[in-house]
Amino acid sequence: MESLAHKQKDAADRPPKHKIATVDSGCNLCGSYRRALVTTGKEHEYTNTTDDVFNVVRCTGCQLIYLDPRPDFRELGTIYPPNYYSYNQDILRRKANPKSILSTLRYKGFRQKIAKSLKLAGVDEKGKVKILDIGCGDGHLLNLYRDGHADKVETHGVDFNLEAVVLASAAGHRTYRGRFEDAQIAENEFDLVIASHVIEHVSDPVWFTQKVYSILKPGGIFWFETPNIGSVDAQWFKNAHWGGYHFPRHWFFFTPETVRMLAEKTGFAQESIDFVPNAIFWFWTFHSMIVAKDEKLRPMADLLFPPIDFQKDSIANFLRICLFSVVDVLIKRFTGQTSNMIVVFRRP
């Protein structure tokens, strides 16, 4: 059987597709088709997806920002290649030195989020909570939930990438293969649903959130992270290069106000919203700017601001992540926000 590493190497060498299948879209929050162009942009992180240019537009009614047109479902395998970074997180973790400063800081941050989400889901009262990770990839986040709280969690995951789901299943998690929207999941099933940087990737965030509502038990928690296009750096680099665009994989871009509207539309109570550093958006921002100057500069851009290997355990990545995290902390101090939101919805 062909190894995953071999498939990833072959995929990395394939040429980008031109004129991929797309679909027109309207505003997901208010249903309007009236929009104004914000910017245009194209893939810069991977060379094996597509070289098409995409439009980012703003609804002139409710101000939701989204990609229009966006890639069709048939192109998911195109825009999420086998070497997509999310599919290889647990492999990177196992290769990393667990005593390195980068590993220590990264997983300290993860564990703090995990502890908070479990507390909100009522683990202290219930003793055990049932968790679903949407877009679980290879199960890396579920592994962290289980590593620190094995006797308190029952872990489930869903992802449309077959090889990632196989890895998550092999790690001992119960899995669903396919899009979350299509998965056959019983209602009132989970105490905690996690979607870490997923909602911006889906075709219908309202339907997606309504389904989360239906599979949560009353009082259950929907914990999700998503880019904040209302942040100051999103405004600085809004003309094509802001890292949060993640062309062409991010299809909807939220602000705190449109997140509030999403909660109201889907019946959730918004419990909290917080803003935290996200160094990778800075990697992607500067990588995009360099590659746009001249494609011949790509090797330099890959070296200075690695768009795929940003989580490898190296001194250079540690220094870059520290630098950009400090920048985000300073931005939050002066503006109250960063380009990364952690949102908590509770089902009443």
Protein backbone atom coordinates (compact mmCIF):
# COMPACT_ATOMS: atom_id res chain seq x y z
CA MET A 1 0.00 0.00 0.00
CA GLU A 2 1.31 3.41 -0.96
CA SER A 3 2.48 5.30 2.10
CA LEU A 4 0.94 8.60 3.19
CA ALA A 5 4.35 10.28 2.91
CA HIS A 6 4.69 9.05 -0.69
CA LYS A 7 1.23 10.34 -1.58
CA GLN A 8 2.00 13.69 -0.01
CA LYS A 9 5.23 13.98 -2.00
CA ASP A 10 3.42 13.15 -5.25
CA ALA A 11 0.68 15.65 -4.43
CA ALA A 12 3.20 18.38 -3.63
CA ASP A 13 4.69 17.96 -7.11
CA ARG A 14 1.43 18.24 -9.03
CA PRO A 15 0.77 21.46 -10.99
CA PRO A 16 -1.98 23.86 -9.89
CA LYS A 17 -5.39 23.62 -11.56
CA HIS A 18 -6.79 26.49 -13.60
CA LYS A 19 -10.47 27.47 -13.73
CA ILE A 20 -11.66 25.10 -11.01
CA ALA A 21 -15.39 24.56 -10.53
CA THR A 22 -17.00 27.34 -8.50
CA VAL A 23 -20.45 28.30 -7.24
CA ASP A 24 -22.00 31.72 -6.71
CA SER A 25 -23.03 32.59 -3.18
CA GLY A 26 -25.07 35.16 -1.32
CA CYS A 27 -25.00 36.48 2.23
CA ASN A 28 -25.46 33.62 4.68
CA LEU A 29 -26.84 35.79 7.48
CA CYS A 30 -29.45 37.96 5.78
CA GLY A 31 -29.85 36.25 2.41
CA SER A 32 -29.04 39.35 0.37
CA TYR A 33 -27.18 39.15 -2.93
CA ARG A 34 -26.23 42.83 -2.80
CA ARG A 35 -22.52 43.08 -2.14
CA ALA A 36 -19.49 45.29 -2.68
CA LEU A 37 -16.02 44.09 -3.64
CA VAL A 38 -13.48 44.17 -0.81
CA THR A 39 -10.46 42.69 -2.57
CA THR A 40 -9.24 39.87 -4.77
CA GLY A 41 -6.58 37.30 -4.03
CA LYS A 42 -5.14 33.90 -4.84
CA GLU A 43 -3.46 30.88 -3.32
CA HIS A 44 0.12 31.46 -2.21
CA GLU A 45 0.75 28.84 0.48
CA TYR A 46 0.62 25.74 -1.73
CA THR A 47 1.77 25.35 -5.33
CA ASN A 48 -0.40 22.27 -6.00
CA THR A 49 -3.96 23.59 -5.60
CA THR A 50 -5.18 26.30 -7.99
CA ASP A 51 -3.85 29.49 -9.54
CA ASP A 52 -7.31 31.08 -9.91
CA VAL A 53 -8.13 34.54 -8.53
CA PHE A 54 -11.02 34.87 -6.03
CA ASN A 55 -13.22 37.78 -4.92
CA VAL A 56 -13.83 38.78 -1.31
CA VAL A 57 -17.10 40.73 -1.00
CA ARG A 58 -19.06 42.49 1.74
CA CYS A 59 -22.83 42.23 2.15
CA THR A 60 -24.17 45.78 1.93
CA GLY A 61 -26.96 44.85 4.35
CA CYS A 62 -25.54 43.04 7.38
CA GLN A 63 -21.81 43.54 6.53
CA LEU A 64 -20.90 39.83 6.49
CA ILE A 65 -17.78 39.29 4.37
CA TYR A 66 -17.43 36.21 2.20
CA LEU A 67 -15.83 34.64 -0.89
CA ASP A 68 -17.92 34.91 -4.06
CA PRO A 69 -17.79 32.82 -6.13
CA ARG A 70 -16.24 30.06 -4.02
CA PRO A 71 -14.87 26.63 -4.93
CA ASP A 72 -17.44 23.92 -5.57
CA PHE A 73 -17.57 20.84 -3.29
CA ARG A 74 -16.07 18.82 -6.14
CA GLU A 75 -12.86 20.78 -5.68
CA LEU A 76 -12.31 20.05 -1.98
CA GLY A 77 -9.58 17.58 -2.91
CA THR A 78 -7.99 20.33 -5.00
CA ILE A 79 -7.92 23.09 -2.40
CA TYR A 80 -7.10 20.72 0.49
CA PRO A 81 -4.18 18.70 -0.89
CA PRO A 82 -2.85 15.59 0.91
CA ASN A 83 0.02 17.68 2.30
CA TYR A 84 -2.39 20.18 3.89
CA TYR A 85 -0.91 21.07 7.28
CA SER A 86 -3.95 20.10 9.37
CA TYR A 87 -3.65 16.46 8.30
CA ASN A 88 -0.18 16.09 9.76
CA GLN A 89 -0.33 17.72 13.18
CA ASP A 90 0.00 14.58 15.26
CA ILE A 91 2.94 13.40 13.15
CA LEU A 92 4.68 16.73 13.81
CA ARG A 93 3.90 16.44 17.50
CA ARG A 94 5.45 12.98 17.72
CA LYS A 95 8.55 14.17 15.88
CA ALA A 96 8.97 17.22 18.12
CA ASN A 97 11.07 17.29 21.23
CA PRO A 98 8.46 17.41 24.04
CA LYS A 99 10.95 19.28 26.23
CA SER A 100 11.64 22.04 23.71
CA ILE A 101 10.47 25.55 24.56
CA LEU A 102 8.23 25.67 21.47
CA SER A 103 6.47 22.40 22.36
CA THR A 104 6.10 23.45 25.99
CA LEU A 105 4.53 26.82 25.15
CA ARG A 106 2.31 25.47 22.37
CA TYR A 107 0.82 22.66 24.40
CA LYS A 108 0.49 24.81 27.50
CA GLY A 109 -1.78 27.07 25.47
CA PHE A 110 -3.76 24.12 24.12
CA ARG A 111 -4.19 22.65 27.59
CA GLN A 112 -5.47 25.93 29.01
CA LYS A 113 -8.15 26.07 26.31
CA ILE A 114 -9.02 22.42 26.89
CA ALA A 115 -9.42 22.89 30.63
CA LYS A 116 -11.63 25.94 30.15
CA SER A 117 -13.85 24.27 27.55
CA LEU A 118 -14.32 21.19 29.73
CA LYS A 119 -15.22 23.32 32.73
CA LEU A 120 -17.82 25.20 30.68
CA ALA A 121 -19.21 21.86 29.47
CA GLY A 122 -19.72 20.84 33.11
CA VAL A 123 -17.10 18.15 33.53
CA ASP A 124 -16.86 18.88 37.27
CA GLU A 125 -20.56 18.15 37.75
CA LYS A 126 -21.02 15.40 35.15
CA GLY A 127 -17.76 13.56 35.71
CA LYS A 128 -17.51 12.72 32.01
CA VAL A 129 -18.32 14.71 28.88
CA LYS A 130 -18.92 13.60 25.32
CA ILE A 131 -16.92 15.65 22.80
CA LEU A 132 -17.12 16.06 19.02
CA ASP A 133 -14.26 17.75 17.14
CA ILE A 134 -15.45 19.01 13.74
CA GLY A 135 -12.61 18.98 11.24
CA CYS A 136 -10.63 16.68 13.52
CA GLY A 137 -7.89 16.01 10.96
CA ASP A 138 -5.60 13.30 12.28
CA GLY A 139 -7.08 13.58 15.78
CA HIS A 140 -4.33 15.77 17.22
CA LEU A 141 -6.66 17.97 19.30
CA LEU A 142 -8.69 15.01 20.54
CA ASN A 143 -5.43 13.37 21.58
CA LEU A 144 -4.70 16.36 23.80
CA TYR A 145 -8.17 16.21 25.37
CA ARG A 146 -7.66 12.54 26.13
CA ASP A 147 -4.02 12.86 27.25
CA GLY A 148 -4.92 15.13 30.12
CA HIS A 149 -8.43 13.91 30.91
CA ALA A 150 -8.67 10.27 29.77
CA ASP A 151 -11.21 9.26 32.41
CA LYS A 152 -13.38 12.34 31.85
CA VAL A 153 -13.89 12.45 28.09
CA GLU A 154 -15.40 10.39 25.31
CA THR A 155 -13.85 11.62 22.07
CA HIS A 156 -15.45 11.73 18.62
CA GLY A 157 -14.29 13.41 15.42
CA VAL A 158 -15.51 14.14 11.90
CA ASP A 159 -13.46 15.04 8.82
CA PHE A 160 -13.90 14.64 5.06
CA ASN A 161 -10.30 13.51 4.45
CA LEU A 162 -10.18 9.70 4.49
CA GLU A 163 -6.52 9.32 5.47
CA ALA A 164 -6.88 11.83 8.30
CA VAL A 165 -9.94 9.97 9.61
CA VAL A 166 -8.04 6.67 9.44
CA LEU A 167 -5.30 8.19 11.60
CA ALA A 168 -7.83 9.59 14.09
CA SER A 169 -9.57 6.21 14.30
CA ALA A 170 -6.25 4.43 14.79
CA ALA A 171 -5.59 6.79 17.70
CA GLY A 172 -8.71 5.45 19.40
CA HIS A 173 -11.31 8.12 18.60
CA ARG A 174 -14.77 7.37 17.23
CA THR A 175 -14.98 9.00 13.83
CA TYR A 176 -17.37 10.04 11.06
CA ARG A 177 -15.97 10.36 7.55
CA GLY A 178 -17.37 13.15 5.39
CA ARG A 179 -18.56 16.72 5.81
CA PHE A 180 -20.07 17.46 9.20
CA GLU A 181 -23.19 18.76 7.46
CA ASP A 182 -23.74 15.31 5.88
CA ALA A 183 -22.78 13.14 8.86
CA GLN A 184 -25.53 11.06 10.47
CA ILE A 185 -25.26 12.20 14.09
CA ALA A 186 -28.03 11.81 16.64
CA GLU A 187 -29.61 14.87 18.23
CA ASN A 188 -28.93 15.82 21.86
CA GLU A 189 -25.77 13.70 21.79
CA PHE A 190 -22.82 15.85 22.90
CA ASP A 191 -21.84 18.02 25.84
CA LEU A 192 -19.12 19.87 23.91
CA VAL A 193 -18.66 20.50 20.19
CA ILE A 194 -15.35 21.99 19.05
CA ALA A 195 -14.64 23.61 15.70
CA SER A 196 -11.14 25.09 15.68
CA HIS A 197 -10.87 27.25 12.57
CA VAL A 198 -13.58 25.38 10.71
CA ILE A 199 -16.66 27.61 10.47
CA GLU A 200 -14.91 29.95 8.03
CA HIS A 201 -14.36 26.96 5.70
CA VAL A 202 -17.97 25.80 5.38
CA SER A 203 -20.50 26.61 2.66
CA ASP A 204 -23.33 27.54 5.01
CA PRO A 205 -22.29 28.71 8.50
CA VAL A 206 -25.92 29.17 9.59
CA TRP A 207 -26.91 25.61 8.68
CA PHE A 208 -23.63 24.36 10.16
CA THR A 209 -24.34 26.15 13.46
CA GLN A 210 -27.95 24.98 13.53
CA LYS A 211 -26.76 21.38 13.18
CA VAL A 212 -24.32 21.92 16.05
CA TYR A 213 -27.27 23.19 18.11
CA SER A 214 -29.27 20.04 17.30
CA ILE A 215 -26.55 17.56 18.32
CA LEU A 216 -25.73 19.35 21.57
CA LYS A 217 -27.52 18.44 24.75
CA PRO A 218 -29.46 21.30 26.38
CA GLY A 219 -26.87 23.45 28.12
CA GLY A 220 -24.13 22.12 25.84
CA ILE A 221 -21.22 24.22 24.63
CA PHE A 222 -20.19 25.10 21.07
CA TRP A 223 -16.57 26.28 21.26
CA PHE A 224 -15.09 27.64 18.04
CA GLU A 225 -12.18 29.71 16.84
CA THR A 226 -12.30 31.80 13.69
CA PRO A 227 -10.47 34.76 12.14
CA ASN A 228 -11.61 38.26 13.06
CA ILE A 229 -11.74 40.36 9.92
CA GLY A 230 -12.60 43.34 12.10
CA SER A 231 -9.09 43.40 13.59
CA VAL A 232 -6.69 46.24 12.86
CA ASP A 233 -4.19 44.03 11.01
CA ALA A 234 -7.00 42.70 8.80
CA GLN A 235 -7.61 46.33 7.83
CA TRP A 236 -3.90 47.05 7.32
CA PHE A 237 -3.54 44.16 4.87
CA LYS A 238 -7.08 43.92 3.53
CA ASN A 239 -5.95 44.33 -0.07
CA ALA A 240 -5.30 40.64 -0.84
CA HIS A 241 -2.53 39.85 1.64
CA TRP A 242 -4.11 39.46 5.09
CA GLY A 243 -3.20 35.98 6.31
CA GLY A 244 -6.73 35.28 7.50
CA TYR A 245 -7.97 35.12 3.91
CA HIS A 246 -6.21 31.74 3.47
CA PHE A 247 -7.25 31.76 -0.22
CA PRO A 248 -9.25 29.84 -1.37
CA ARG A 249 -10.10 27.79 1.75
CA HIS A 250 -11.73 30.47 3.91
CA TRP A 251 -15.21 31.20 2.57
CA PHE A 252 -16.73 33.40 5.31
CA PHE A 253 -15.09 36.08 7.45
CA PHE A 254 -16.66 37.14 10.74
CA THR A 255 -16.43 40.12 13.05
CA PRO A 256 -17.67 40.21 16.67
CA GLU A 257 -20.88 41.81 15.39
CA THR A 258 -21.61 39.15 12.75
CA VAL A 259 -20.78 36.44 15.30
CA ARG A 260 -23.47 37.94 17.56
CA MET A 261 -25.90 37.88 14.65
CA LEU A 262 -25.05 34.23 14.00
CA ALA A 263 -25.89 33.34 17.61
CA GLU A 264 -29.21 35.16 17.42
CA LYS A 265 -30.15 33.55 14.11
CA THR A 266 -29.43 30.01 15.31
CA GLY A 267 -30.92 30.18 18.81
CA PHE A 268 -27.68 30.07 20.77
CA ALA A 269 -26.79 32.25 23.73
CA GLN A 270 -23.38 33.83 23.23
CA GLU A 271 -21.50 33.07 26.42
CA SER A 272 -18.22 34.81 25.63
CA ILE A 273 -15.86 36.02 22.96
CA ASP A 274 -12.14 36.43 23.47
CA PHE A 275 -9.25 37.53 21.28
CA VAL A 276 -5.97 35.64 21.32
CA PRO A 277 -2.70 35.73 19.38
CA ASN A 278 -2.37 33.76 16.16
CA ALA A 279 1.13 33.95 14.75
CA ILE A 280 0.34 31.95 11.60
CA PHE A 281 -1.74 34.78 10.14
CA TRP A 282 1.40 36.91 10.19
CA PHE A 283 3.39 34.11 8.51
CA TRP A 284 0.77 33.95 5.76
CA THR A 285 0.51 37.73 5.43
CA PHE A 286 4.20 38.30 4.78
CA HIS A 287 4.54 35.15 2.70
CA SER A 288 1.72 36.42 0.45
CA MET A 289 3.32 39.85 0.09
CA ILE A 290 6.69 38.42 -0.93
CA VAL A 291 5.32 35.88 -3.42
CA ALA A 292 3.09 38.55 -4.98
CA LYS A 293 6.16 40.67 -5.67
CA ASP A 294 7.78 37.95 -7.76
CA GLU A 295 7.14 34.21 -7.93
CA LYS A 296 10.90 33.74 -8.10
CA LEU A 297 11.04 34.94 -4.49
CA ARG A 298 8.94 31.98 -3.29
CA PRO A 299 11.95 30.02 -1.92
CA MET A 300 12.91 33.05 0.17
CA ALA A 301 9.31 33.50 1.34
CA ASP A 302 9.10 29.80 2.27
CA LEU A 303 12.30 30.12 4.28
CA LEU A 304 11.45 33.36 6.09
CA PHE A 305 7.73 32.71 6.69
CA PRO A 306 7.04 29.00 6.14
CA PRO A 307 3.34 28.72 5.21
CA ILE A 308 3.06 24.95 5.76
CA ASP A 309 5.89 24.01 8.12
CA PHE A 310 5.23 26.80 10.62
CA GLN A 311 4.65 24.34 13.45
CA LYS A 312 7.82 22.33 13.04
CA ASP A 313 9.87 22.23 16.21
CA SER A 314 12.72 24.60 15.34
CA ILE A 315 14.49 27.57 16.89
CA ALA A 316 13.58 29.73 13.90
CA ASN A 317 9.87 28.96 14.26
CA PHE A 318 10.06 29.56 18.00
CA LEU A 319 11.54 33.02 17.46
CA ARG A 320 9.02 33.90 14.75
CA ILE A 321 6.06 32.73 16.81
CA CYS A 322 7.29 34.68 19.85
CA LEU A 323 7.73 37.83 17.77
CA PHE A 324 4.30 37.72 16.18
CA SER A 325 2.60 36.72 19.43
CA VAL A 326 4.09 39.79 21.10
CA VAL A 327 2.81 41.91 18.19
CA ASP A 328 -0.68 40.46 18.70
CA VAL A 329 -0.53 41.09 22.45
CA LEU A 330 0.38 44.73 21.81
CA ILE A 331 -2.39 45.11 19.25
CA LYS A 332 -4.89 43.68 21.70
CA ARG A 333 -3.68 46.05 24.41
CA PHE A 334 -4.31 49.08 22.24
CA THR A 335 -7.40 47.95 20.29
CA GLY A 336 -9.00 45.29 22.48
CA GLN A 337 -8.95 42.71 19.69
CA THR A 338 -6.67 40.44 17.64
CA SER A 339 -7.26 38.70 14.32
CA ASN A 340 -8.24 35.47 16.11
CA MET A 341 -11.50 34.98 18.04
CA ILE A 342 -12.44 32.26 20.50
CA VAL A 343 -16.23 32.16 20.67
CA VAL A 344 -18.39 30.24 23.14
CA PHE A 345 -22.06 29.60 22.37
CA ARG A 346 -24.31 27.73 24.79
CA ARG A 347 -27.47 25.90 23.85
CA PRO A 348 -30.15 27.19 26.24
